[in-house]
Amino acid sequence: MAETSVAHFQNDAGVEVIEIGVKEFMCCGASVPYDHPHVFLDMGSDSEIVCPYCSTVYRHADDLKGHDTRPEGCTFNDEAA
């Protein structure tokens, strides 16, 4: 079984563009309970994609890795237990 996980990102700050270090990921909208359906997005050969739910523009940045984001703090953390 694969030991990798799909990165999840959120936009609590309401910024227009979030730069990320991966091209396949999930957008969650915002922190629980303000999240939208978690949608899988794949940029393919493009360098950016728009979430169809929250309209956040995600842009790939080669200098970022894994769950890193610019601005910082846009990695989704589901604290619901």
PDB file of N, CA and C in Angstrom:
ATOM      1  N   MET A   1       0.841  -1.186   0.000  1.00  0.00           N
ATOM      2  CA  MET A   1       0.000   0.000   0.000  1.00  0.00           C
ATOM      3  C   MET A   1       0.884   1.247   0.000  1.00  0.00           C
ATOM      4  N   ALA A   2       0.471   2.240  -0.696  1.00  0.00           N
ATOM      5  CA  ALA A   2       1.255   3.473  -0.807  1.00  0.00           C
ATOM      6  C   ALA A   2       1.345   4.182   0.534  1.00  0.00           C
ATOM      7  N   GLU A   3       2.489   4.774   0.795  1.00  0.00           N
ATOM      8  CA  GLU A   3       2.719   5.500   2.041  1.00  0.00           C
ATOM      9  C   GLU A   3       2.627   7.007   1.840  1.00  0.00           C
ATOM     10  N   THR A   4       2.103   7.445   0.720  1.00  0.00           N
ATOM     11  CA  THR A   4       1.990   8.873   0.462  1.00  0.00           C
ATOM     12  C   THR A   4       0.546   9.323   0.663  1.00  0.00           C
ATOM     13  N   SER A   5       0.381  10.579   0.953  1.00  0.00           N
ATOM     14  CA  SER A   5      -0.956  11.130   1.110  1.00  0.00           C
ATOM     15  C   SER A   5      -1.119  12.329   0.190  1.00  0.00           C
ATOM     16  N   VAL A   6      -2.335  12.596  -0.170  1.00  0.00           N
ATOM     17  CA  VAL A   6      -2.637  13.734  -1.023  1.00  0.00           C
ATOM     18  C   VAL A   6      -2.691  14.980  -0.148  1.00  0.00           C
ATOM     19  N   ALA A   7      -1.969  16.004  -0.528  1.00  0.00           N
ATOM     20  CA  ALA A   7      -1.968  17.262   0.219  1.00  0.00           C
ATOM     21  C   ALA A   7      -3.350  17.897   0.156  1.00  0.00           C
ATOM     22  N   HIS A   8      -3.782  18.479   1.275  1.00  0.00           N
ATOM     23  CA  HIS A   8      -5.051  19.201   1.363  1.00  0.00           C
ATOM     24  C   HIS A   8      -4.727  20.656   1.693  1.00  0.00           C
ATOM     25  N   PHE A   9      -5.363  21.571   0.965  1.00  0.00           N
ATOM     26  CA  PHE A   9      -5.118  22.995   1.193  1.00  0.00           C
ATOM     27  C   PHE A   9      -6.422  23.723   1.471  1.00  0.00           C
ATOM     28  N   GLN A  10      -6.317  24.853   2.166  1.00  0.00           N
ATOM     29  CA  GLN A  10      -7.469  25.675   2.528  1.00  0.00           C
ATOM     30  C   GLN A  10      -7.125  27.146   2.340  1.00  0.00           C
ATOM     31  N   ASN A  11      -8.167  27.969   2.343  1.00  0.00           N
ATOM     32  CA  ASN A  11      -7.969  29.404   2.124  1.00  0.00           C
ATOM     33  C   ASN A  11      -8.717  30.208   3.180  1.00  0.00           C
ATOM     34  N   ASP A  12      -8.351  30.029   4.441  1.00  0.00           N
ATOM     35  CA  ASP A  12      -8.998  30.777   5.527  1.00  0.00           C
ATOM     36  C   ASP A  12      -8.798  32.282   5.393  1.00  0.00           C
ATOM     37  N   ALA A  13      -7.665  32.695   4.842  1.00  0.00           N
ATOM     38  CA  ALA A  13      -7.361  34.127   4.726  1.00  0.00           C
ATOM     39  C   ALA A  13      -8.097  34.793   3.571  1.00  0.00           C
ATOM     40  N   GLY A  14      -8.671  34.001   2.672  1.00  0.00           N
ATOM     41  CA  GLY A  14      -9.396  34.578   1.537  1.00  0.00           C
ATOM     42  C   GLY A  14      -8.490  35.215   0.505  1.00  0.00           C
ATOM     43  N   VAL A  15      -7.260  34.717   0.372  1.00  0.00           N
ATOM     44  CA  VAL A  15      -6.348  35.267  -0.627  1.00  0.00           C
ATOM     45  C   VAL A  15      -6.761  34.809  -2.021  1.00  0.00           C
ATOM     46  N   GLU A  16      -6.371  35.556  -3.025  1.00  0.00           N
ATOM     47  CA  GLU A  16      -6.743  35.237  -4.401  1.00  0.00           C
ATOM     48  C   GLU A  16      -5.931  34.067  -4.943  1.00  0.00           C
ATOM     49  N   VAL A  17      -4.620  34.018  -4.613  1.00  0.00           N
ATOM     50  CA  VAL A  17      -3.715  32.998  -5.147  1.00  0.00           C
ATOM     51  C   VAL A  17      -2.958  32.333  -4.005  1.00  0.00           C
ATOM     52  N   ILE A  18      -2.887  31.002  -4.055  1.00  0.00           N
ATOM     53  CA  ILE A  18      -2.054  30.236  -3.138  1.00  0.00           C
ATOM     54  C   ILE A  18      -1.050  29.462  -3.979  1.00  0.00           C
ATOM     55  N   GLU A  19       0.223  29.671  -3.697  1.00  0.00           N
ATOM     56  CA  GLU A  19       1.269  28.918  -4.384  1.00  0.00           C
ATOM     57  C   GLU A  19       1.533  27.648  -3.597  1.00  0.00           C
ATOM     58  N   ILE A  20       1.674  26.520  -4.299  1.00  0.00           N
ATOM     59  CA  ILE A  20       1.869  25.221  -3.663  1.00  0.00           C
ATOM     60  C   ILE A  20       2.970  24.454  -4.389  1.00  0.00           C
ATOM     61  N   GLY A  21       3.492  23.422  -3.736  1.00  0.00           N
ATOM     62  CA  GLY A  21       4.599  22.666  -4.297  1.00  0.00           C
ATOM     63  C   GLY A  21       4.203  21.368  -4.975  1.00  0.00           C
ATOM     64  N   VAL A  22       2.910  21.113  -5.133  1.00  0.00           N
ATOM     65  CA  VAL A  22       2.425  19.897  -5.786  1.00  0.00           C
ATOM     66  C   VAL A  22       1.432  20.269  -6.875  1.00  0.00           C
ATOM     67  N   LYS A  23       1.188  19.345  -7.793  1.00  0.00           N
ATOM     68  CA  LYS A  23       0.230  19.608  -8.871  1.00  0.00           C
ATOM     69  C   LYS A  23      -1.060  18.804  -8.714  1.00  0.00           C
ATOM     70  N   GLU A  24      -1.068  17.836  -7.807  1.00  0.00           N
ATOM     71  CA  GLU A  24      -2.268  17.060  -7.505  1.00  0.00           C
ATOM     72  C   GLU A  24      -2.558  17.218  -6.022  1.00  0.00           C
ATOM     73  N   PHE A  25      -3.783  17.628  -5.676  1.00  0.00           N
ATOM     74  CA  PHE A  25      -4.089  17.953  -4.292  1.00  0.00           C
ATOM     75  C   PHE A  25      -5.596  18.040  -4.098  1.00  0.00           C
ATOM     76  N   MET A  26      -6.000  18.269  -2.851  1.00  0.00           N
ATOM     77  CA  MET A  26      -7.395  18.483  -2.519  1.00  0.00           C
ATOM     78  C   MET A  26      -7.561  19.922  -2.027  1.00  0.00           C
ATOM     79  N   CYS A  27      -8.618  20.579  -2.480  1.00  0.00           N
ATOM     80  CA  CYS A  27      -8.988  21.885  -1.938  1.00  0.00           C
ATOM     81  C   CYS A  27     -10.168  21.650  -1.012  1.00  0.00           C
ATOM     82  N   CYS A  28     -10.083  22.251   0.181  1.00  0.00           N
ATOM     83  CA  CYS A  28     -11.118  22.080   1.199  1.00  0.00           C
ATOM     84  C   CYS A  28     -11.904  23.354   1.453  1.00  0.00           C
ATOM     85  N   GLY A  29     -11.492  24.447   0.819  1.00  0.00           N
ATOM     86  CA  GLY A  29     -12.177  25.718   1.021  1.00  0.00           C
ATOM     87  C   GLY A  29     -11.623  26.473   2.204  1.00  0.00           C
ATOM     88  N   ALA A  30     -12.044  26.088   3.407  1.00  0.00           N
ATOM     89  CA  ALA A  30     -11.607  26.738   4.644  1.00  0.00           C
ATOM     90  C   ALA A  30     -11.636  25.699   5.757  1.00  0.00           C
ATOM     91  N   SER A  31     -11.283  26.127   6.950  1.00  0.00           N
ATOM     92  CA  SER A  31     -11.303  25.220   8.092  1.00  0.00           C
ATOM     93  C   SER A  31     -12.725  24.787   8.421  1.00  0.00           C
ATOM     94  N   VAL A  32     -12.854  23.606   8.987  1.00  0.00           N
ATOM     95  CA  VAL A  32     -14.135  23.091   9.465  1.00  0.00           C
ATOM     96  C   VAL A  32     -14.685  24.074  10.482  1.00  0.00           C
ATOM     97  N   PRO A  33     -15.913  24.464  10.467  1.00  0.00           N
ATOM     98  CA  PRO A  33     -17.022  23.929   9.691  1.00  0.00           C
ATOM     99  C   PRO A  33     -17.316  24.709   8.407  1.00  0.00           C
ATOM    100  N   TYR A  34     -16.384  25.529   7.969  1.00  0.00           N
ATOM    101  CA  TYR A  34     -16.600  26.378   6.799  1.00  0.00           C
ATOM    102  C   TYR A  34     -16.012  25.795   5.519  1.00  0.00           C
ATOM    103  N   ASP A  35     -15.654  24.524   5.561  1.00  0.00           N
ATOM    104  CA  ASP A  35     -15.095  23.878   4.376  1.00  0.00           C
ATOM    105  C   ASP A  35     -16.188  23.592   3.355  1.00  0.00           C
ATOM    106  N   HIS A  36     -15.760  23.356   2.122  1.00  0.00           N
ATOM    107  CA  HIS A  36     -16.690  22.914   1.078  1.00  0.00           C
ATOM    108  C   HIS A  36     -16.355  21.458   0.774  1.00  0.00           C
ATOM    109  N   PRO A  37     -17.120  20.764  -0.081  1.00  0.00           N
ATOM    110  CA  PRO A  37     -16.741  19.392  -0.413  1.00  0.00           C
ATOM    111  C   PRO A  37     -15.275  19.337  -0.839  1.00  0.00           C
ATOM    112  N   HIS A  38     -14.544  18.405  -0.303  1.00  0.00           N
ATOM    113  CA  HIS A  38     -13.120  18.292  -0.599  1.00  0.00           C
ATOM    114  C   HIS A  38     -12.961  17.753  -2.012  1.00  0.00           C
ATOM    115  N   VAL A  39     -12.483  18.614  -2.900  1.00  0.00           N
ATOM    116  CA  VAL A  39     -12.409  18.299  -4.318  1.00  0.00           C
ATOM    117  C   VAL A  39     -10.959  18.058  -4.738  1.00  0.00           C
ATOM    118  N   PHE A  40     -10.736  16.949  -5.475  1.00  0.00           N
ATOM    119  CA  PHE A  40      -9.411  16.619  -5.981  1.00  0.00           C
ATOM    120  C   PHE A  40      -9.143  17.451  -7.224  1.00  0.00           C
ATOM    121  N   LEU A  41      -8.017  18.144  -7.243  1.00  0.00           N
ATOM    122  CA  LEU A  41      -7.622  18.964  -8.391  1.00  0.00           C
ATOM    123  C   LEU A  41      -6.282  18.486  -8.929  1.00  0.00           C
ATOM    124  N   ASP A  42      -6.150  18.466 -10.237  1.00  0.00           N
ATOM    125  CA  ASP A  42      -4.925  18.020 -10.905  1.00  0.00           C
ATOM    126  C   ASP A  42      -4.577  19.047 -11.976  1.00  0.00           C
ATOM    127  N   MET A  43      -3.441  19.725 -11.817  1.00  0.00           N
ATOM    128  CA  MET A  43      -3.019  20.746 -12.780  1.00  0.00           C
ATOM    129  C   MET A  43      -2.543  20.152 -14.097  1.00  0.00           C
ATOM    130  N   GLY A  44      -2.170  18.875 -14.095  1.00  0.00           N
ATOM    131  CA  GLY A  44      -1.627  18.282 -15.306  1.00  0.00           C
ATOM    132  C   GLY A  44      -0.377  19.028 -15.740  1.00  0.00           C
ATOM    133  N   SER A  45      -0.330  19.430 -17.006  1.00  0.00           N
ATOM    134  CA  SER A  45       0.839  20.149 -17.506  1.00  0.00           C
ATOM    135  C   SER A  45       0.739  21.666 -17.295  1.00  0.00           C
ATOM    136  N   ASP A  46      -0.392  22.133 -16.766  1.00  0.00           N
ATOM    137  CA  ASP A  46      -0.569  23.563 -16.499  1.00  0.00           C
ATOM    138  C   ASP A  46       0.164  23.956 -15.216  1.00  0.00           C
ATOM    139  N   SER A  47       0.307  25.251 -15.002  1.00  0.00           N
ATOM    140  CA  SER A  47       0.978  25.727 -13.797  1.00  0.00           C
ATOM    141  C   SER A  47       0.009  26.309 -12.773  1.00  0.00           C
ATOM    142  N   GLU A  48      -1.289  26.355 -13.112  1.00  0.00           N
ATOM    143  CA  GLU A  48      -2.274  26.806 -12.142  1.00  0.00           C
ATOM    144  C   GLU A  48      -3.635  26.230 -12.457  1.00  0.00           C
ATOM    145  N   ILE A  49      -4.503  26.247 -11.424  1.00  0.00           N
ATOM    146  CA  ILE A  49      -5.859  25.739 -11.560  1.00  0.00           C
ATOM    147  C   ILE A  49      -6.754  26.517 -10.599  1.00  0.00           C
ATOM    148  N   VAL A  50      -8.024  26.648 -10.938  1.00  0.00           N
ATOM    149  CA  VAL A  50      -8.996  27.358 -10.105  1.00  0.00           C
ATOM    150  C   VAL A  50      -9.937  26.341  -9.475  1.00  0.00           C
ATOM    151  N   CYS A  51     -10.135  26.438  -8.169  1.00  0.00           N
ATOM    152  CA  CYS A  51     -11.078  25.555  -7.495  1.00  0.00           C
ATOM    153  C   CYS A  51     -12.493  25.919  -7.947  1.00  0.00           C
ATOM    154  N   PRO A  52     -13.273  24.931  -8.404  1.00  0.00           N
ATOM    155  CA  PRO A  52     -14.629  25.224  -8.872  1.00  0.00           C
ATOM    156  C   PRO A  52     -15.601  25.587  -7.753  1.00  0.00           C
ATOM    157  N   TYR A  53     -15.254  25.326  -6.495  1.00  0.00           N
ATOM    158  CA  TYR A  53     -16.133  25.655  -5.373  1.00  0.00           C
ATOM    159  C   TYR A  53     -15.859  27.032  -4.793  1.00  0.00           C
ATOM    160  N   CYS A  54     -14.581  27.337  -4.499  1.00  0.00           N
ATOM    161  CA  CYS A  54     -14.274  28.584  -3.793  1.00  0.00           C
ATOM    162  C   CYS A  54     -13.533  29.609  -4.654  1.00  0.00           C
ATOM    163  N   SER A  55     -13.210  29.248  -5.890  1.00  0.00           N
ATOM    164  CA  SER A  55     -12.535  30.135  -6.847  1.00  0.00           C
ATOM    165  C   SER A  55     -11.116  30.527  -6.456  1.00  0.00           C
ATOM    166  N   THR A  56     -10.512  29.812  -5.510  1.00  0.00           N
ATOM    167  CA  THR A  56      -9.115  30.055  -5.182  1.00  0.00           C
ATOM    168  C   THR A  56      -8.251  29.615  -6.356  1.00  0.00           C
ATOM    169  N   VAL A  57      -7.294  30.455  -6.726  1.00  0.00           N
ATOM    170  CA  VAL A  57      -6.329  30.090  -7.761  1.00  0.00           C
ATOM    171  C   VAL A  57      -5.155  29.423  -7.060  1.00  0.00           C
ATOM    172  N   TYR A  58      -4.849  28.201  -7.477  1.00  0.00           N
ATOM    173  CA  TYR A  58      -3.671  27.484  -6.975  1.00  0.00           C
ATOM    174  C   TYR A  58      -2.620  27.516  -8.060  1.00  0.00           C
ATOM    175  N   ARG A  59      -1.416  27.956  -7.697  1.00  0.00           N
ATOM    176  CA  ARG A  59      -0.328  28.089  -8.654  1.00  0.00           C
ATOM    177  C   ARG A  59       0.859  27.233  -8.185  1.00  0.00           C
ATOM    178  N   HIS A  60       1.389  26.421  -9.087  1.00  0.00           N
ATOM    179  CA  HIS A  60       2.534  25.584  -8.743  1.00  0.00           C
ATOM    180  C   HIS A  60       3.795  26.431  -8.666  1.00  0.00           C
ATOM    181  N   ALA A  61       4.577  26.191  -7.620  1.00  0.00           N
ATOM    182  CA  ALA A  61       5.858  26.884  -7.434  1.00  0.00           C
ATOM    183  C   ALA A  61       6.931  25.819  -7.231  1.00  0.00           C
ATOM    184  N   ASP A  62       7.910  25.782  -8.136  1.00  0.00           N
ATOM    185  CA  ASP A  62       8.963  24.769  -8.089  1.00  0.00           C
ATOM    186  C   ASP A  62       9.788  24.809  -6.807  1.00  0.00           C
ATOM    187  N   ASP A  63       9.875  25.962  -6.162  1.00  0.00           N
ATOM    188  CA  ASP A  63      10.699  26.073  -4.962  1.00  0.00           C
ATOM    189  C   ASP A  63       9.991  25.581  -3.699  1.00  0.00           C
ATOM    190  N   LEU A  64       8.700  25.261  -3.787  1.00  0.00           N
ATOM    191  CA  LEU A  64       7.961  24.739  -2.644  1.00  0.00           C
ATOM    192  C   LEU A  64       7.879  23.224  -2.747  1.00  0.00           C
ATOM    193  N   LYS A  65       7.822  22.550  -1.619  1.00  0.00           N
ATOM    194  CA  LYS A  65       7.767  21.096  -1.574  1.00  0.00           C
ATOM    195  C   LYS A  65       6.567  20.621  -0.773  1.00  0.00           C
ATOM    196  N   GLY A  66       6.040  19.463  -1.139  1.00  0.00           N
ATOM    197  CA  GLY A  66       5.000  18.792  -0.361  1.00  0.00           C
ATOM    198  C   GLY A  66       3.839  19.675   0.025  1.00  0.00           C
ATOM    199  N   HIS A  67       3.651  19.853   1.319  1.00  0.00           N
ATOM    200  CA  HIS A  67       2.519  20.616   1.835  1.00  0.00           C
ATOM    201  C   HIS A  67       2.839  22.091   2.066  1.00  0.00           C
ATOM    202  N   ASP A  68       3.988  22.569   1.564  1.00  0.00           N
ATOM    203  CA  ASP A  68       4.362  23.976   1.727  1.00  0.00           C
ATOM    204  C   ASP A  68       3.438  24.872   0.907  1.00  0.00           C
ATOM    205  N   THR A  69       3.151  26.048   1.441  1.00  0.00           N
ATOM    206  CA  THR A  69       2.306  27.013   0.729  1.00  0.00           C
ATOM    207  C   THR A  69       2.879  28.412   0.853  1.00  0.00           C
ATOM    208  N   ARG A  70       2.499  29.255  -0.073  1.00  0.00           N
ATOM    209  CA  ARG A  70       2.816  30.681  -0.023  1.00  0.00           C
ATOM    210  C   ARG A  70       1.535  31.414  -0.362  1.00  0.00           C
ATOM    211  N   PRO A  71       0.911  32.130   0.535  1.00  0.00           N
ATOM    212  CA  PRO A  71       1.368  32.429   1.886  1.00  0.00           C
ATOM    213  C   PRO A  71       1.346  31.180   2.776  1.00  0.00           C
ATOM    214  N   GLU A  72       2.129  31.214   3.840  1.00  0.00           N
ATOM    215  CA  GLU A  72       2.183  30.094   4.767  1.00  0.00           C
ATOM    216  C   GLU A  72       0.843  29.924   5.463  1.00  0.00           C
ATOM    217  N   GLY A  73       0.595  28.716   5.958  1.00  0.00           N
ATOM    218  CA  GLY A  73      -0.601  28.469   6.760  1.00  0.00           C
ATOM    219  C   GLY A  73      -1.818  28.033   5.962  1.00  0.00           C
ATOM    220  N   CYS A  74      -1.647  27.640   4.716  1.00  0.00           N
ATOM    221  CA  CYS A  74      -2.794  27.249   3.894  1.00  0.00           C
ATOM    222  C   CYS A  74      -2.936  25.724   3.773  1.00  0.00           C
ATOM    223  N   THR A  75      -2.183  24.979   4.579  1.00  0.00           N
ATOM    224  CA  THR A  75      -2.342  23.529   4.602  1.00  0.00           C
ATOM    225  C   THR A  75      -3.537  23.213   5.479  1.00  0.00           C
ATOM    226  N   PHE A  76      -4.441  22.369   4.981  1.00  0.00           N
ATOM    227  CA  PHE A  76      -5.659  22.013   5.703  1.00  0.00           C
ATOM    228  C   PHE A  76      -5.335  21.101   6.873  1.00  0.00           C
ATOM    229  N   ASN A  77      -5.860  21.429   8.051  1.00  0.00           N
ATOM    230  CA  ASN A  77      -5.718  20.603   9.242  1.00  0.00           C
ATOM    231  C   ASN A  77      -7.105  20.339   9.804  1.00  0.00           C
ATOM    232  N   ASP A  78      -7.571  19.123   9.630  1.00  0.00           N
ATOM    233  CA  ASP A  78      -8.898  18.742  10.130  1.00  0.00           C
ATOM    234  C   ASP A  78      -8.777  18.418  11.606  1.00  0.00           C
ATOM    235  N   GLU A  79      -9.188  19.355  12.427  1.00  0.00           N
ATOM    236  CA  GLU A  79      -9.073  19.161  13.880  1.00  0.00           C
ATOM    237  C   GLU A  79     -10.325  18.572  14.481  1.00  0.00           C
ATOM    238  N   ALA A  80     -11.307  18.223  13.639  1.00  0.00           N
ATOM    239  CA  ALA A  80     -12.519  17.601  14.144  1.00  0.00           C
ATOM    240  C   ALA A  80     -12.187  16.190  14.617  1.00  0.00           C
ATOM    241  N   ALA A  81     -12.661  15.852  15.765  1.00  0.00           N
ATOM    242  CA  ALA A  81     -12.373  14.507  16.290  1.00  0.00           C
ATOM    243  C   ALA A  81     -13.631  13.776  16.654  1.00  0.00           C
TER     244      ALA A  81
END
